[in-house]
């Protein structure tokens, strides 16, 4: 849970002769239209379909783990100070316990691992980038232990592509060894980040066409809406100055609280109407009827006005927002014991928070101290870490809060380092990097490939030295109950996966589509996956029914056999429809090709 006035996901940066610049700053100054004059004419488009990775975690054990509590006095002050920039976010609860306070305390896990770490709250991602640049610049000038800037920052995995796309070109000027890299993950958002709208949108996603949502544009919660649109084949209008009745439209908010307030106040404005990127000559008065936000923005909506439900959140898209740690590659390679000591402390702290109630309460106390959010004491952080369901002003049940922390097993699983697991961070990074690039190609024409920005060697070294029980897979994500019937469909999307003619074997061209499907399904780890097979009307109807079943099973088996840890038995369900449900006339080859499809439905079971 992040109570940050500036927001928690990176602004997509424009790097044109400045050390660090951002769209957000340009937007605020009114200069963006001069830089991207074509933005207003861009047609509404469906975001790339994006399903997020399954995240295994570590559920509570039957008996509480014995944990030594950190003290309150300063500790390990003889060690060099390590500076860590962060938001106020409950996914860092394990890190809070590990450090014992703003600065590492006596008896803390951090000091026991030889690290003197100082937490510094920083709500502005642009300033986070500036601090990394300052640190790398001093390092490049020969100071092995820079006193300026920050050693690390913590951001969401779904914002990492945009963050690094703006940051690393500037760092590259210092040399390739000064690139920023992701080296760990210490927790997840698990419900607090959400897309809120009318119940009709949740029941029938098509009803959101022409809807108006307030939010901090290109933020992590905006990503949630983008993924939902892509999953359902719906359009997004990327221009927050026009209105498209066939797409979801946006009113830019200054931050997540402002987004909530715009809904509460019934904010409205008049805009020109567009269709397919062209102005119709009409205008329309529009009013906010949806919000993307996180706690306490959702709390404000529920308590001050109500009427909105959670359309989708990081409860369903459970692997969308890993709390990732980023640092400068050269310094980390030169100070490997310090890096691994910090990570070990954070992940052991996550284990303690999961398994020991006293450790959890201590972590909530440290969170209140470190974040310094007015009116948010330890009980506040504890309540919203676990998540709650409360009645809003109109009597609707609303889910609020929800986070989780990582231990070593979780970190291994997130990076695909356990047998049968996929790299969830890589899938998330790529999925949302592609979304940002598709919606704002002028702003972010490319981003670094994950292989260039991810170094898992630190986590792997911890695993090599850990007891086998430390890397055993346990379930922490809010996994669906695979034996229960579906209660709600989150999204449905048709996939054209090429098969050999009349057979259930994939054609060579299928590999690309299957890989996209894999990345998509990895993101939504809080859902069950239904695979529905369809054929065209050629041939015998009974044979087509059998073929559609075989092809649906081929997709399900490909997922479960290749990544059994991410797609356990019962998560993927198969349905056959044969030629019964065409989506186009079978009279033409083009229509028949559309009917030969696999439809994937993401659903919940609670």
Foldseek 3Di string as FASTA:
>chain_A
DFPFLQAFFAAQWDDDPDLTGGPLVCVVVVNVCVQCVCLLLAFWFQFAAFAFAAFFFAFADPAFDDDDFFDDAAPLPVADEAEEEEGLDLQLLLLLRQQLAQWRGHPHLLVVLPHTYGYDYDRHLRVLLVLQLVQLVVVLVPDLRDPTGHFKYKGWLLRVQSSQLRRQVSQCVSPLQFRKFWAFFWWFFAFQWFKKFAVVCLAPVQVQQQAEAEAAPPHLSVVVVSNLSNQAVATDSLDQQATENRHYHYDHASHQLRRLVQQLVFPKDKHFYDHNSHTPPDIDIHTHGIYGHGPPSVVCNQARPDRIAGSDGCNQLVLQTTTTMMGTRNSCVVVVSSVLSSQQSSQVSLVNCNRHVVSVLSSLQNSCNSNVDPPRHSVNSSDQCCWDWDGGPVRDTYIHHHMGTHHLQSGCQCCVNDPLGHNRSLLSNVSSQSSCCVSCVSSRVDGDRNVSRYDHVSSVVVVVPDDPVRNDTHGDRLAFDLVFDFDGWSGKDKFQAAPPPLALHGDPVRPVSLVSVLSRNSSRRRWAKEKEFEAAPPDDQVSQQVRSQSNSVSSLCVSCVNRVVRNPPRRYHYHTDGNPDQPADSPDPVSRSRRRIIMMITTHRD
